Amino acid sequence: MIDYFLKFLDYLSSIDNTALFAASIIPYSIFLFYLYKIQTINKLIKTGFSLTVLFVFITILMSIFSLTYFNLTLVEVDVLHGSAEFFLTLSDFIILLGFINMLKGLEVNNS
């Protein structure tokens, strides 16, 4: 059983995931579209989830830069990789602040 699982993982690692990565923007765009229609969610949460798209864009740019100028993948150039990941951290932090603000505004009924 473990052999089959390891073979399956090996098969998955051989698949080029570039098309899947590019196609993932479609469901995320649908998610953002409906997220912005919900009036009860505050703007910080919506901004944070939108900044995730900026993270993806910055990551693509940094990856191209890394391959062009250093002939290395983004993961191999720590400064560029860390700079790109900063935008994910920033978006996560803004989402967290939005949820904290939303929870502070909830009324608690103890009966």
C-alpha atoms as a PDB file:
ATOM      1  CA  MET A   1       0.000   0.000   0.000  1.00  0.00           C
ATOM      2  CA  ILE A   2       2.807   2.419   0.895  1.00  0.00           C
ATOM      3  CA  ASP A   3       4.562   1.489  -2.360  1.00  0.00           C
ATOM      4  CA  TYR A   4       1.558   2.583  -4.400  1.00  0.00           C
ATOM      5  CA  PHE A   5       1.313   5.806  -2.471  1.00  0.00           C
ATOM      6  CA  LEU A   6       5.002   6.589  -3.016  1.00  0.00           C
ATOM      7  CA  LYS A   7       4.672   5.797  -6.729  1.00  0.00           C
ATOM      8  CA  PHE A   8       1.645   8.087  -6.896  1.00  0.00           C
ATOM      9  CA  LEU A   9       3.596  10.885  -5.195  1.00  0.00           C
ATOM     10  CA  ASP A  10       6.469  10.325  -7.593  1.00  0.00           C
ATOM     11  CA  TYR A  11       4.054  10.567 -10.521  1.00  0.00           C
ATOM     12  CA  LEU A  12       2.572  13.794  -9.151  1.00  0.00           C
ATOM     13  CA  SER A  13       6.014  15.323  -8.771  1.00  0.00           C
ATOM     14  CA  SER A  14       6.748  14.716 -12.449  1.00  0.00           C
ATOM     15  CA  ILE A  15       3.705  16.717 -13.653  1.00  0.00           C
ATOM     16  CA  ASP A  16       4.314  20.300 -14.752  1.00  0.00           C
ATOM     17  CA  ASN A  17       1.976  22.403 -12.626  1.00  0.00           C
ATOM     18  CA  THR A  18       2.391  25.699 -14.510  1.00  0.00           C
ATOM     19  CA  ALA A  19      -0.988  25.439 -16.246  1.00  0.00           C
ATOM     20  CA  LEU A  20      -2.717  24.556 -12.983  1.00  0.00           C
ATOM     21  CA  PHE A  21      -1.066  27.517 -11.275  1.00  0.00           C
ATOM     22  CA  ALA A  22      -2.223  29.851 -14.050  1.00  0.00           C
ATOM     23  CA  ALA A  23      -5.737  28.420 -14.074  1.00  0.00           C
ATOM     24  CA  SER A  24      -6.112  28.877 -10.320  1.00  0.00           C
ATOM     25  CA  ILE A  25      -6.725  32.592 -10.850  1.00  0.00           C
ATOM     26  CA  ILE A  26     -10.193  31.778 -12.235  1.00  0.00           C
ATOM     27  CA  PRO A  27     -11.741  30.288  -9.053  1.00  0.00           C
ATOM     28  CA  TYR A  28      -9.932  32.873  -6.929  1.00  0.00           C
ATOM     29  CA  SER A  29     -11.401  35.675  -9.054  1.00  0.00           C
ATOM     30  CA  ILE A  30     -14.861  34.184  -8.588  1.00  0.00           C
ATOM     31  CA  PHE A  31     -14.203  34.032  -4.837  1.00  0.00           C
ATOM     32  CA  LEU A  32     -13.184  37.711  -4.794  1.00  0.00           C
ATOM     33  CA  PHE A  33     -16.214  38.689  -6.874  1.00  0.00           C
ATOM     34  CA  TYR A  34     -18.634  37.145  -4.391  1.00  0.00           C
ATOM     35  CA  LEU A  35     -16.588  38.297  -1.403  1.00  0.00           C
ATOM     36  CA  TYR A  36     -17.022  41.915  -2.479  1.00  0.00           C
ATOM     37  CA  LYS A  37     -20.784  41.391  -2.774  1.00  0.00           C
ATOM     38  CA  ILE A  38     -21.094  40.505   0.920  1.00  0.00           C
ATOM     39  CA  GLN A  39     -21.829  43.717   2.787  1.00  0.00           C
ATOM     40  CA  THR A  40     -21.208  42.358   6.290  1.00  0.00           C
ATOM     41  CA  ILE A  41     -17.523  41.685   5.653  1.00  0.00           C
ATOM     42  CA  ASN A  42     -15.340  44.702   6.348  1.00  0.00           C
ATOM     43  CA  LYS A  43     -12.993  46.306   3.856  1.00  0.00           C
ATOM     44  CA  LEU A  44      -9.808  45.111   5.567  1.00  0.00           C
ATOM     45  CA  ILE A  45     -10.713  41.490   4.936  1.00  0.00           C
ATOM     46  CA  LYS A  46     -11.564  42.219   1.311  1.00  0.00           C
ATOM     47  CA  THR A  47      -8.332  44.183   0.869  1.00  0.00           C
ATOM     48  CA  GLY A  48      -6.274  41.400   2.419  1.00  0.00           C
ATOM     49  CA  PHE A  49      -7.695  38.767   0.099  1.00  0.00           C
ATOM     50  CA  SER A  50      -7.129  41.108  -2.848  1.00  0.00           C
ATOM     51  CA  LEU A  51      -3.513  41.618  -1.807  1.00  0.00           C
ATOM     52  CA  THR A  52      -3.015  37.881  -2.242  1.00  0.00           C
ATOM     53  CA  VAL A  53      -3.324  38.489  -5.990  1.00  0.00           C
ATOM     54  CA  LEU A  54      -0.571  41.099  -5.636  1.00  0.00           C
ATOM     55  CA  PHE A  55       1.552  38.461  -3.872  1.00  0.00           C
ATOM     56  CA  VAL A  56       1.105  36.096  -6.832  1.00  0.00           C
ATOM     57  CA  PHE A  57       1.999  38.860  -9.295  1.00  0.00           C
ATOM     58  CA  ILE A  58       5.103  39.875  -7.308  1.00  0.00           C
ATOM     59  CA  THR A  59       6.146  36.225  -7.005  1.00  0.00           C
ATOM     60  CA  ILE A  60       5.914  35.772 -10.772  1.00  0.00           C
ATOM     61  CA  LEU A  61       7.962  38.925 -11.371  1.00  0.00           C
ATOM     62  CA  MET A  62      10.606  37.910  -8.817  1.00  0.00           C
ATOM     63  CA  SER A  63      10.783  34.431 -10.316  1.00  0.00           C
ATOM     64  CA  ILE A  64      11.354  35.823 -13.804  1.00  0.00           C
ATOM     65  CA  PHE A  65      13.981  38.208 -12.441  1.00  0.00           C
ATOM     66  CA  SER A  66      15.709  35.380 -10.587  1.00  0.00           C
ATOM     67  CA  LEU A  67      15.826  33.150 -13.650  1.00  0.00           C
ATOM     68  CA  THR A  68      16.957  35.964 -15.936  1.00  0.00           C
ATOM     69  CA  TYR A  69      19.707  37.569 -13.869  1.00  0.00           C
ATOM     70  CA  PHE A  70      20.912  34.760 -11.610  1.00  0.00           C
ATOM     71  CA  ASN A  71      19.928  31.691 -13.659  1.00  0.00           C
ATOM     72  CA  LEU A  72      18.456  30.272 -10.437  1.00  0.00           C
ATOM     73  CA  THR A  73      14.914  29.545  -9.314  1.00  0.00           C
ATOM     74  CA  LEU A  74      13.250  31.924  -6.898  1.00  0.00           C
ATOM     75  CA  VAL A  75      13.629  29.462  -4.033  1.00  0.00           C
ATOM     76  CA  GLU A  76      17.404  29.542  -4.473  1.00  0.00           C
ATOM     77  CA  VAL A  77      17.718  33.343  -4.102  1.00  0.00           C
ATOM     78  CA  ASP A  78      16.800  34.027  -0.484  1.00  0.00           C
ATOM     79  CA  VAL A  79      16.529  37.812  -0.728  1.00  0.00           C
ATOM     80  CA  LEU A  80      14.104  37.686  -3.645  1.00  0.00           C
ATOM     81  CA  HIS A  81      12.146  34.798  -2.181  1.00  0.00           C
ATOM     82  CA  GLY A  82      11.818  36.561   1.160  1.00  0.00           C
ATOM     83  CA  SER A  83      10.767  39.776  -0.554  1.00  0.00           C
ATOM     84  CA  ALA A  84       8.039  37.970  -2.462  1.00  0.00           C
ATOM     85  CA  GLU A  85       6.856  36.119   0.645  1.00  0.00           C
ATOM     86  CA  PHE A  86       6.610  39.429   2.488  1.00  0.00           C
ATOM     87  CA  PHE A  87       3.551  40.266   0.399  1.00  0.00           C
ATOM     88  CA  LEU A  88       1.846  37.044   1.478  1.00  0.00           C
ATOM     89  CA  THR A  89       2.618  37.856   5.109  1.00  0.00           C
ATOM     90  CA  LEU A  90       1.266  41.364   4.600  1.00  0.00           C
ATOM     91  CA  SER A  91      -1.980  40.124   3.068  1.00  0.00           C
ATOM     92  CA  ASP A  92      -2.414  37.526   5.834  1.00  0.00           C
ATOM     93  CA  PHE A  93      -1.837  40.190   8.487  1.00  0.00           C
ATOM     94  CA  ILE A  94      -4.427  42.507   6.932  1.00  0.00           C
ATOM     95  CA  ILE A  95      -6.949  39.648   6.758  1.00  0.00           C
ATOM     96  CA  LEU A  96      -6.274  38.908  10.428  1.00  0.00           C
ATOM     97  CA  LEU A  97      -6.772  42.560  11.390  1.00  0.00           C
ATOM     98  CA  GLY A  98     -10.024  42.593   9.451  1.00  0.00           C
ATOM     99  CA  PHE A  99     -11.335  39.543  11.288  1.00  0.00           C
ATOM    100  CA  ILE A 100     -10.245  40.960  14.642  1.00  0.00           C
ATOM    101  CA  ASN A 101     -12.124  44.193  13.892  1.00  0.00           C
ATOM    102  CA  MET A 102     -15.154  42.226  12.751  1.00  0.00           C
ATOM    103  CA  LEU A 103     -15.155  40.111  15.934  1.00  0.00           C
ATOM    104  CA  LYS A 104     -14.827  43.225  18.119  1.00  0.00           C
ATOM    105  CA  GLY A 105     -18.012  44.561  16.544  1.00  0.00           C
ATOM    106  CA  LEU A 106     -20.079  41.470  17.305  1.00  0.00           C
ATOM    107  CA  GLU A 107     -22.555  41.731  20.117  1.00  0.00           C
ATOM    108  CA  VAL A 108     -22.427  38.938  22.678  1.00  0.00           C
ATOM    109  CA  ASN A 109     -25.722  37.840  24.193  1.00  0.00           C
ATOM    110  CA  ASN A 110     -25.240  35.974  27.475  1.00  0.00           C
ATOM    111  CA  SER A 111     -28.487  34.684  28.853  1.00  0.00           C
END
